[in-house]
Amino acid sequence: MIFVKSAREIGSMRKAGRIAALALIEGGRLVRPGNTTKQIDDAIRRLIRRNGATPSFLGYREFPASSNTSVNEEVIHGIPSRRKVLREGDIISIDVGACFEGFHGDTAATFAVGVVSEQARRLIEITRECFYKGAAQAVQGARVSEISKAIQEFAQSNGCGIVRDWTGHGVGRSLHEDPEVSNFFDGKRGAKLLPGMTLAIEPMIAAGSGETEVLRDGWTVVTTDGSLAAHYEHTVLVTAGEPELLTKLEGTD
């Protein structure tokens, strides 16, 4: 079932989105060689709680951390660890959720660790732009498939692979709601977009084929060919006018 949020509910989602955005910025500040993904996760958890919210991911289906920290060929759902030390030239995708007043904000971005290769830098930029191409289609009267098409076309026109096994989704009282928001066109038009719908649009793009598998930890998704992967996400509100990014703070990327 697709939920259209009331003005009050949207107000709560704006607050949750702001906290999630602050948490992602906090995690990004710690992206440097020598730091561990556990250090990043600890800082994210503290910030979320300091702002009166709860981490959406912690305990979700028994996930053991407050954020997903996915390095290099890891696409999503990487588990933070004291043993995972960032090194110069790595890239890391940080995915954060915050729950406030019963509603979730969900956001992610990929960061460069020091100086990275041209391939890595370009992949991060393409993935970010895939998001904005897709989000621009999240307007009243459009179909979900128009978001998917825009993401797919931009990624493929730049020679990148699309992760097809994992998708974006609705978000609100539940972290994952209908509708599914694929990053490729699957031949279906999808739901019609109405003001008050809130979507987590999240391109997951690879330098290689985009095919994935899940590691033995039951969570970490990696590219099967070992190619780099990037992830970019905002919680998007459909309005009567331009889409509103609920997890984007003014003046931030």
C-alpha atoms as a PDB file:
ATOM      1  CA  MET A   1       0.000   0.000   0.000  1.00  0.00           C
ATOM      2  CA  ILE A   2       1.232   3.483  -0.892  1.00  0.00           C
ATOM      3  CA  PHE A   3       0.807   6.110   1.821  1.00  0.00           C
ATOM      4  CA  VAL A   4       0.181   9.778   1.051  1.00  0.00           C
ATOM      5  CA  LYS A   5       1.360  11.841   4.019  1.00  0.00           C
ATOM      6  CA  SER A   6      -0.603  14.602   5.695  1.00  0.00           C
ATOM      7  CA  ALA A   7       0.863  18.051   6.369  1.00  0.00           C
ATOM      8  CA  ARG A   8       1.580  17.023   9.972  1.00  0.00           C
ATOM      9  CA  GLU A   9       3.287  13.820   8.899  1.00  0.00           C
ATOM     10  CA  ILE A  10       5.375  15.685   6.338  1.00  0.00           C
ATOM     11  CA  GLY A  11       6.451  18.041   9.112  1.00  0.00           C
ATOM     12  CA  SER A  12       7.739  15.068  11.103  1.00  0.00           C
ATOM     13  CA  MET A  13       9.495  13.697   8.029  1.00  0.00           C
ATOM     14  CA  ARG A  14      11.251  17.025   7.494  1.00  0.00           C
ATOM     15  CA  LYS A  15      12.588  16.824  11.049  1.00  0.00           C
ATOM     16  CA  ALA A  16      13.689  13.202  10.593  1.00  0.00           C
ATOM     17  CA  GLY A  17      15.267  14.090   7.267  1.00  0.00           C
ATOM     18  CA  ARG A  18      17.232  16.957   8.768  1.00  0.00           C
ATOM     19  CA  ILE A  19      18.644  14.708  11.494  1.00  0.00           C
ATOM     20  CA  ALA A  20      19.576  12.040   8.957  1.00  0.00           C
ATOM     21  CA  ALA A  21      21.306  14.698   6.852  1.00  0.00           C
ATOM     22  CA  LEU A  22      23.281  15.963   9.844  1.00  0.00           C
ATOM     23  CA  ALA A  23      24.300  12.385  10.672  1.00  0.00           C
ATOM     24  CA  LEU A  24      25.548  11.779   7.130  1.00  0.00           C
ATOM     25  CA  ILE A  25      27.582  14.984   7.239  1.00  0.00           C
ATOM     26  CA  GLU A  26      29.018  13.910  10.597  1.00  0.00           C
ATOM     27  CA  GLY A  27      30.028  10.541   9.167  1.00  0.00           C
ATOM     28  CA  GLY A  28      31.537  12.192   6.107  1.00  0.00           C
ATOM     29  CA  ARG A  29      33.774  14.350   8.294  1.00  0.00           C
ATOM     30  CA  LEU A  30      35.458  11.199   9.556  1.00  0.00           C
ATOM     31  CA  VAL A  31      36.227   9.799   6.112  1.00  0.00           C
ATOM     32  CA  ARG A  32      40.015   9.887   6.103  1.00  0.00           C
ATOM     33  CA  PRO A  33      42.851   7.356   5.891  1.00  0.00           C
ATOM     34  CA  GLY A  34      43.414   5.502   9.162  1.00  0.00           C
ATOM     35  CA  ASN A  35      39.893   5.835  10.535  1.00  0.00           C
ATOM     36  CA  THR A  36      37.701   2.765  10.896  1.00  0.00           C
ATOM     37  CA  THR A  37      34.144   2.319   9.733  1.00  0.00           C
ATOM     38  CA  LYS A  38      33.220   1.663  13.380  1.00  0.00           C
ATOM     39  CA  GLN A  39      34.437   5.145  14.315  1.00  0.00           C
ATOM     40  CA  ILE A  40      32.184   6.579  11.634  1.00  0.00           C
ATOM     41  CA  ASP A  41      29.214   4.557  12.840  1.00  0.00           C
ATOM     42  CA  ASP A  42      29.747   5.541  16.473  1.00  0.00           C
ATOM     43  CA  ALA A  43      29.731   9.223  15.557  1.00  0.00           C
ATOM     44  CA  ILE A  44      26.565   8.815  13.505  1.00  0.00           C
ATOM     45  CA  ARG A  45      24.772   7.014  16.309  1.00  0.00           C
ATOM     46  CA  ARG A  46      25.729   9.680  18.854  1.00  0.00           C
ATOM     47  CA  LEU A  47      24.538  12.523  16.629  1.00  0.00           C
ATOM     48  CA  ILE A  48      21.188  10.887  15.897  1.00  0.00           C
ATOM     49  CA  ARG A  49      20.514  10.262  19.570  1.00  0.00           C
ATOM     50  CA  ARG A  50      21.751  13.704  20.586  1.00  0.00           C
ATOM     51  CA  ASN A  51      19.050  15.155  18.342  1.00  0.00           C
ATOM     52  CA  GLY A  52      16.295  13.146  20.013  1.00  0.00           C
ATOM     53  CA  ALA A  53      15.922  10.571  17.247  1.00  0.00           C
ATOM     54  CA  THR A  54      16.699   6.866  16.979  1.00  0.00           C
ATOM     55  CA  PRO A  55      18.874   5.184  14.335  1.00  0.00           C
ATOM     56  CA  SER A  56      16.550   3.584  11.786  1.00  0.00           C
ATOM     57  CA  PHE A  57      18.979   0.797  10.915  1.00  0.00           C
ATOM     58  CA  LEU A  58      20.091  -0.311  14.372  1.00  0.00           C
ATOM     59  CA  GLY A  59      18.284  -3.578  15.093  1.00  0.00           C
ATOM     60  CA  TYR A  60      16.348  -3.471  11.806  1.00  0.00           C
ATOM     61  CA  ARG A  61      16.062  -7.152  10.888  1.00  0.00           C
ATOM     62  CA  GLU A  62      18.865  -7.591  13.458  1.00  0.00           C
ATOM     63  CA  PHE A  63      21.291  -5.269  11.669  1.00  0.00           C
ATOM     64  CA  PRO A  64      24.012  -4.531  14.263  1.00  0.00           C
ATOM     65  CA  ALA A  65      24.860  -0.881  13.511  1.00  0.00           C
ATOM     66  CA  SER A  66      23.400   2.596  12.988  1.00  0.00           C
ATOM     67  CA  SER A  67      24.719   3.030   9.451  1.00  0.00           C
ATOM     68  CA  ASN A  68      25.794   1.052   6.424  1.00  0.00           C
ATOM     69  CA  THR A  69      29.466   1.633   5.545  1.00  0.00           C
ATOM     70  CA  SER A  70      30.324   0.060   2.195  1.00  0.00           C
ATOM     71  CA  VAL A  71      33.895   0.284   0.886  1.00  0.00           C
ATOM     72  CA  ASN A  72      35.073  -0.016  -2.736  1.00  0.00           C
ATOM     73  CA  GLU A  73      33.327  -3.049  -4.318  1.00  0.00           C
ATOM     74  CA  GLU A  74      30.784  -3.157  -1.472  1.00  0.00           C
ATOM     75  CA  VAL A  75      27.549  -1.706  -2.840  1.00  0.00           C
ATOM     76  CA  ILE A  76      25.309  -1.427   0.233  1.00  0.00           C
ATOM     77  CA  HIS A  77      24.736  -2.872   3.714  1.00  0.00           C
ATOM     78  CA  GLY A  78      28.388  -2.966   4.728  1.00  0.00           C
ATOM     79  CA  ILE A  79      28.656  -3.613   8.479  1.00  0.00           C
ATOM     80  CA  PRO A  80      30.839  -1.105  10.377  1.00  0.00           C
ATOM     81  CA  SER A  81      33.864  -2.739  12.001  1.00  0.00           C
ATOM     82  CA  ARG A  82      36.919  -1.847  14.045  1.00  0.00           C
ATOM     83  CA  ARG A  83      38.885  -4.040  11.636  1.00  0.00           C
ATOM     84  CA  LYS A  84      37.837  -2.102   8.532  1.00  0.00           C
ATOM     85  CA  VAL A  85      40.436   0.665   8.242  1.00  0.00           C
ATOM     86  CA  LEU A  86      40.068   3.249   5.480  1.00  0.00           C
ATOM     87  CA  ARG A  87      43.037   3.644   3.172  1.00  0.00           C
ATOM     88  CA  GLU A  88      44.095   6.365   0.763  1.00  0.00           C
ATOM     89  CA  GLY A  89      42.333   5.817  -2.566  1.00  0.00           C
ATOM     90  CA  ASP A  90      39.316   3.960  -1.143  1.00  0.00           C
ATOM     91  CA  ILE A  91      35.759   5.101  -1.666  1.00  0.00           C
ATOM     92  CA  ILE A  92      33.089   4.581   0.983  1.00  0.00           C
ATOM     93  CA  SER A  93      29.308   4.761   0.743  1.00  0.00           C
ATOM     94  CA  ILE A  94      27.615   5.789   3.989  1.00  0.00           C
ATOM     95  CA  ASP A  95      23.883   5.121   4.320  1.00  0.00           C
ATOM     96  CA  VAL A  96      22.011   6.638   7.266  1.00  0.00           C
ATOM     97  CA  GLY A  97      18.460   6.539   8.602  1.00  0.00           C
ATOM     98  CA  ALA A  98      16.955   8.512  11.484  1.00  0.00           C
ATOM     99  CA  CYS A  99      13.517   8.040  13.030  1.00  0.00           C
ATOM    100  CA  PHE A 100      11.831  11.042  14.669  1.00  0.00           C
ATOM    101  CA  GLU A 101       8.214  11.324  15.834  1.00  0.00           C
ATOM    102  CA  GLY A 102       7.581   7.927  14.256  1.00  0.00           C
ATOM    103  CA  PHE A 103       8.852   8.808  10.766  1.00  0.00           C
ATOM    104  CA  HIS A 104      12.071   7.965   8.956  1.00  0.00           C
ATOM    105  CA  GLY A 105      14.555   9.987   6.925  1.00  0.00           C
ATOM    106  CA  ASP A 106      16.879   7.925   4.700  1.00  0.00           C
ATOM    107  CA  THR A 107      19.962   9.257   2.920  1.00  0.00           C
ATOM    108  CA  ALA A 108      23.309   8.103   1.530  1.00  0.00           C
ATOM    109  CA  ALA A 109      26.376   9.375  -0.296  1.00  0.00           C
ATOM    110  CA  THR A 110      29.726   8.068  -1.478  1.00  0.00           C
ATOM    111  CA  PHE A 111      32.926   9.732  -0.263  1.00  0.00           C
ATOM    112  CA  ALA A 112      36.505   9.672  -1.513  1.00  0.00           C
ATOM    113  CA  VAL A 113      39.178   8.672   1.004  1.00  0.00           C
ATOM    114  CA  GLY A 114      41.993  11.087   0.279  1.00  0.00           C
ATOM    115  CA  VAL A 115      43.101  11.144  -3.351  1.00  0.00           C
ATOM    116  CA  VAL A 116      41.268   8.592  -5.490  1.00  0.00           C
ATOM    117  CA  SER A 117      41.586   7.347  -9.047  1.00  0.00           C
ATOM    118  CA  GLU A 118      39.921   9.143 -11.939  1.00  0.00           C
ATOM    119  CA  GLN A 119      37.634   6.136 -12.352  1.00  0.00           C
ATOM    120  CA  ALA A 120      36.504   6.380  -8.724  1.00  0.00           C
ATOM    121  CA  ARG A 121      36.005  10.152  -8.866  1.00  0.00           C
ATOM    122  CA  ARG A 122      33.974   9.869 -12.057  1.00  0.00           C
ATOM    123  CA  LEU A 123      31.842   7.030 -10.660  1.00  0.00           C
ATOM    124  CA  ILE A 124      30.936   9.096  -7.587  1.00  0.00           C
ATOM    125  CA  GLU A 125      29.944  12.058  -9.774  1.00  0.00           C
ATOM    126  CA  ILE A 126      27.898   9.944 -12.186  1.00  0.00           C
ATOM    127  CA  THR A 127      26.023   8.255  -9.340  1.00  0.00           C
ATOM    128  CA  ARG A 128      25.165  11.605  -7.768  1.00  0.00           C
ATOM    129  CA  GLU A 129      23.959  12.937 -11.103  1.00  0.00           C
ATOM    130  CA  CYS A 130      21.891   9.773 -11.633  1.00  0.00           C
ATOM    131  CA  PHE A 131      20.025  10.670  -8.465  1.00  0.00           C
ATOM    132  CA  TYR A 132      19.285  14.205  -9.626  1.00  0.00           C
ATOM    133  CA  LYS A 133      18.180  13.002 -13.063  1.00  0.00           C
ATOM    134  CA  GLY A 134      15.774  10.595 -11.377  1.00  0.00           C
ATOM    135  CA  ALA A 135      14.559  12.972  -8.674  1.00  0.00           C
ATOM    136  CA  ALA A 136      13.670  15.576 -11.299  1.00  0.00           C
ATOM    137  CA  GLN A 137      11.002  13.151 -12.547  1.00  0.00           C
ATOM    138  CA  ALA A 138       9.344  12.858  -9.105  1.00  0.00           C
ATOM    139  CA  VAL A 139       6.545  15.264  -9.945  1.00  0.00           C
ATOM    140  CA  GLN A 140       2.783  15.152  -9.605  1.00  0.00           C
ATOM    141  CA  GLY A 141       1.189  12.988 -12.293  1.00  0.00           C
ATOM    142  CA  ALA A 142       4.394  11.245 -13.389  1.00  0.00           C
ATOM    143  CA  ARG A 143       4.965   7.514 -13.009  1.00  0.00           C
ATOM    144  CA  VAL A 144       7.609   5.791 -10.908  1.00  0.00           C
ATOM    145  CA  SER A 145       9.035   4.296 -14.115  1.00  0.00           C
ATOM    146  CA  GLU A 146      10.015   7.776 -15.304  1.00  0.00           C
ATOM    147  CA  ILE A 147      12.392   8.030 -12.340  1.00  0.00           C
ATOM    148  CA  SER A 148      13.820   4.607 -13.184  1.00  0.00           C
ATOM    149  CA  LYS A 149      14.285   5.433 -16.875  1.00  0.00           C
ATOM    150  CA  ALA A 150      16.126   8.672 -16.156  1.00  0.00           C
ATOM    151  CA  ILE A 151      18.577   6.916 -13.833  1.00  0.00           C
ATOM    152  CA  GLN A 152      19.185   4.059 -16.245  1.00  0.00           C
ATOM    153  CA  GLU A 153      19.695   6.282 -19.275  1.00  0.00           C
ATOM    154  CA  PHE A 154      22.246   8.525 -17.578  1.00  0.00           C
ATOM    155  CA  ALA A 155      24.212   5.641 -16.058  1.00  0.00           C
ATOM    156  CA  GLN A 156      24.351   3.664 -19.280  1.00  0.00           C
ATOM    157  CA  SER A 157      25.172   6.707 -21.402  1.00  0.00           C
ATOM    158  CA  ASN A 158      28.255   7.100 -19.214  1.00  0.00           C
ATOM    159  CA  GLY A 159      29.320   3.463 -19.529  1.00  0.00           C
ATOM    160  CA  CYS A 160      28.351   2.399 -16.016  1.00  0.00           C
ATOM    161  CA  GLY A 161      26.552  -0.683 -14.764  1.00  0.00           C
ATOM    162  CA  ILE A 162      23.255  -0.521 -12.871  1.00  0.00           C
ATOM    163  CA  VAL A 163      22.638  -2.583  -9.747  1.00  0.00           C
ATOM    164  CA  ARG A 164      19.326  -4.292 -10.481  1.00  0.00           C
ATOM    165  CA  ASP A 165      18.997  -6.562  -7.445  1.00  0.00           C
ATOM    166  CA  TRP A 166      18.391  -3.668  -5.024  1.00  0.00           C
ATOM    167  CA  THR A 167      16.080  -0.700  -5.364  1.00  0.00           C
ATOM    168  CA  GLY A 168      14.774   2.503  -3.871  1.00  0.00           C
ATOM    169  CA  HIS A 169      11.439   2.523  -2.061  1.00  0.00           C
ATOM    170  CA  GLY A 170       8.741   4.485  -0.352  1.00  0.00           C
ATOM    171  CA  VAL A 171       9.586   5.675   3.143  1.00  0.00           C
ATOM    172  CA  GLY A 172       7.569   7.079   6.039  1.00  0.00           C
ATOM    173  CA  ARG A 173       6.301   5.395   9.193  1.00  0.00           C
ATOM    174  CA  SER A 174       8.154   2.327   7.932  1.00  0.00           C
ATOM    175  CA  LEU A 175      11.710   2.438   6.658  1.00  0.00           C
ATOM    176  CA  HIS A 176      10.621   0.530   3.560  1.00  0.00           C
ATOM    177  CA  GLU A 177       7.189   1.160   2.061  1.00  0.00           C
ATOM    178  CA  ASP A 178       5.597   0.875  -1.357  1.00  0.00           C
ATOM    179  CA  PRO A 179       6.280   1.727  -4.111  1.00  0.00           C
ATOM    180  CA  GLU A 180       9.492   0.060  -5.227  1.00  0.00           C
ATOM    181  CA  VAL A 181      11.682   2.540  -7.113  1.00  0.00           C
ATOM    182  CA  SER A 182      13.986   0.624  -9.451  1.00  0.00           C
ATOM    183  CA  ASN A 183      17.094   2.149 -10.986  1.00  0.00           C
ATOM    184  CA  PHE A 184      16.203   0.690 -14.381  1.00  0.00           C
ATOM    185  CA  PHE A 185      13.054   0.428 -16.480  1.00  0.00           C
ATOM    186  CA  ASP A 186      11.505  -3.012 -16.065  1.00  0.00           C
ATOM    187  CA  GLY A 187       8.730  -2.523 -18.619  1.00  0.00           C
ATOM    188  CA  LYS A 188       6.104  -1.485 -16.073  1.00  0.00           C
ATOM    189  CA  ARG A 189       4.802   2.074 -15.728  1.00  0.00           C
ATOM    190  CA  GLY A 190       4.645   1.906 -11.960  1.00  0.00           C
ATOM    191  CA  ALA A 191       2.526   3.912  -9.563  1.00  0.00           C
ATOM    192  CA  LYS A 192       1.280   7.392 -10.404  1.00  0.00           C
ATOM    193  CA  LEU A 193       2.932  10.043  -8.232  1.00  0.00           C
ATOM    194  CA  LEU A 194       0.750  12.212  -6.006  1.00  0.00           C
ATOM    195  CA  PRO A 195       1.578  15.128  -3.698  1.00  0.00           C
ATOM    196  CA  GLY A 196       2.429  13.812  -0.240  1.00  0.00           C
ATOM    197  CA  MET A 197       4.171  10.651  -1.447  1.00  0.00           C
ATOM    198  CA  THR A 198       7.685  10.245  -0.041  1.00  0.00           C
ATOM    199  CA  LEU A 199      10.315   8.199  -1.861  1.00  0.00           C
ATOM    200  CA  ALA A 200      13.848   7.087  -1.078  1.00  0.00           C
ATOM    201  CA  ILE A 201      15.438   7.410  -4.513  1.00  0.00           C
ATOM    202  CA  GLU A 202      18.842   5.732  -4.407  1.00  0.00           C
ATOM    203  CA  PRO A 203      20.899   4.927  -7.496  1.00  0.00           C
ATOM    204  CA  MET A 204      23.474   2.178  -6.937  1.00  0.00           C
ATOM    205  CA  ILE A 205      25.922   2.310  -9.817  1.00  0.00           C
ATOM    206  CA  ALA A 206      28.986   0.194 -10.624  1.00  0.00           C
ATOM    207  CA  ALA A 207      32.066   0.701 -12.737  1.00  0.00           C
ATOM    208  CA  GLY A 208      31.552  -2.858 -14.012  1.00  0.00           C
ATOM    209  CA  SER A 209      28.510  -4.969 -14.850  1.00  0.00           C
ATOM    210  CA  GLY A 210      26.395  -4.122 -11.806  1.00  0.00           C
ATOM    211  CA  GLU A 211      25.804  -7.778 -10.939  1.00  0.00           C
ATOM    212  CA  THR A 212      25.919  -8.444  -7.189  1.00  0.00           C
ATOM    213  CA  GLU A 213      26.028 -11.075  -4.490  1.00  0.00           C
ATOM    214  CA  VAL A 214      25.592 -11.084  -0.715  1.00  0.00           C
ATOM    215  CA  LEU A 215      28.560 -12.056   1.459  1.00  0.00           C
ATOM    216  CA  ARG A 216      28.423 -14.750   4.136  1.00  0.00           C
ATOM    217  CA  ASP A 217      27.653 -12.152   6.824  1.00  0.00           C
ATOM    218  CA  GLY A 218      24.157 -12.069   5.325  1.00  0.00           C
ATOM    219  CA  TRP A 219      24.243  -8.311   4.761  1.00  0.00           C
ATOM    220  CA  THR A 220      27.119  -6.946   2.709  1.00  0.00           C
ATOM    221  CA  VAL A 221      26.285  -6.669  -1.000  1.00  0.00           C
ATOM    222  CA  VAL A 222      29.294  -6.652  -3.336  1.00  0.00           C
ATOM    223  CA  THR A 223      29.841  -6.524  -7.083  1.00  0.00           C
ATOM    224  CA  THR A 224      30.539 -10.001  -8.419  1.00  0.00           C
ATOM    225  CA  ASP A 225      33.299  -8.707 -10.701  1.00  0.00           C
ATOM    226  CA  GLY A 226      35.009  -6.751  -7.920  1.00  0.00           C
ATOM    227  CA  SER A 227      34.393  -3.406  -9.613  1.00  0.00           C
ATOM    228  CA  LEU A 228      33.888  -0.198  -7.640  1.00  0.00           C
ATOM    229  CA  ALA A 229      30.342   0.751  -6.681  1.00  0.00           C
ATOM    230  CA  ALA A 230      28.778   4.025  -5.523  1.00  0.00           C
ATOM    231  CA  HIS A 231      25.482   4.939  -3.855  1.00  0.00           C
ATOM    232  CA  TYR A 232      23.594   8.229  -3.533  1.00  0.00           C
ATOM    233  CA  GLU A 233      20.212   8.752  -1.869  1.00  0.00           C
ATOM    234  CA  HIS A 234      17.767  11.327  -0.576  1.00  0.00           C
ATOM    235  CA  THR A 235      14.264  11.108   0.804  1.00  0.00           C
ATOM    236  CA  VAL A 236      12.139  12.957  -1.761  1.00  0.00           C
ATOM    237  CA  LEU A 237       8.712  14.522  -1.210  1.00  0.00           C
ATOM    238  CA  VAL A 238       6.375  14.740  -4.205  1.00  0.00           C
ATOM    239  CA  THR A 239       4.599  18.111  -4.182  1.00  0.00           C
ATOM    240  CA  ALA A 240       2.291  20.078  -6.491  1.00  0.00           C
ATOM    241  CA  GLY A 241       5.474  21.763  -7.778  1.00  0.00           C
ATOM    242  CA  GLU A 242       9.155  20.888  -7.612  1.00  0.00           C
ATOM    243  CA  PRO A 243      10.246  17.790  -5.631  1.00  0.00           C
ATOM    244  CA  GLU A 244      11.512  18.559  -2.132  1.00  0.00           C
ATOM    245  CA  LEU A 245      14.606  16.776  -0.832  1.00  0.00           C
ATOM    246  CA  LEU A 246      13.818  16.149   2.833  1.00  0.00           C
ATOM    247  CA  THR A 247      17.354  14.952   3.652  1.00  0.00           C
ATOM    248  CA  LYS A 248      19.261  17.790   1.989  1.00  0.00           C
ATOM    249  CA  LEU A 249      20.387  20.751   4.075  1.00  0.00           C
ATOM    250  CA  GLU A 250      20.664  24.162   2.477  1.00  0.00           C
ATOM    251  CA  GLY A 251      24.149  24.804   1.166  1.00  0.00           C
ATOM    252  CA  THR A 252      25.174  21.132   1.086  1.00  0.00           C
ATOM    253  CA  ASP A 253      25.937  18.950  -1.912  1.00  0.00           C
END
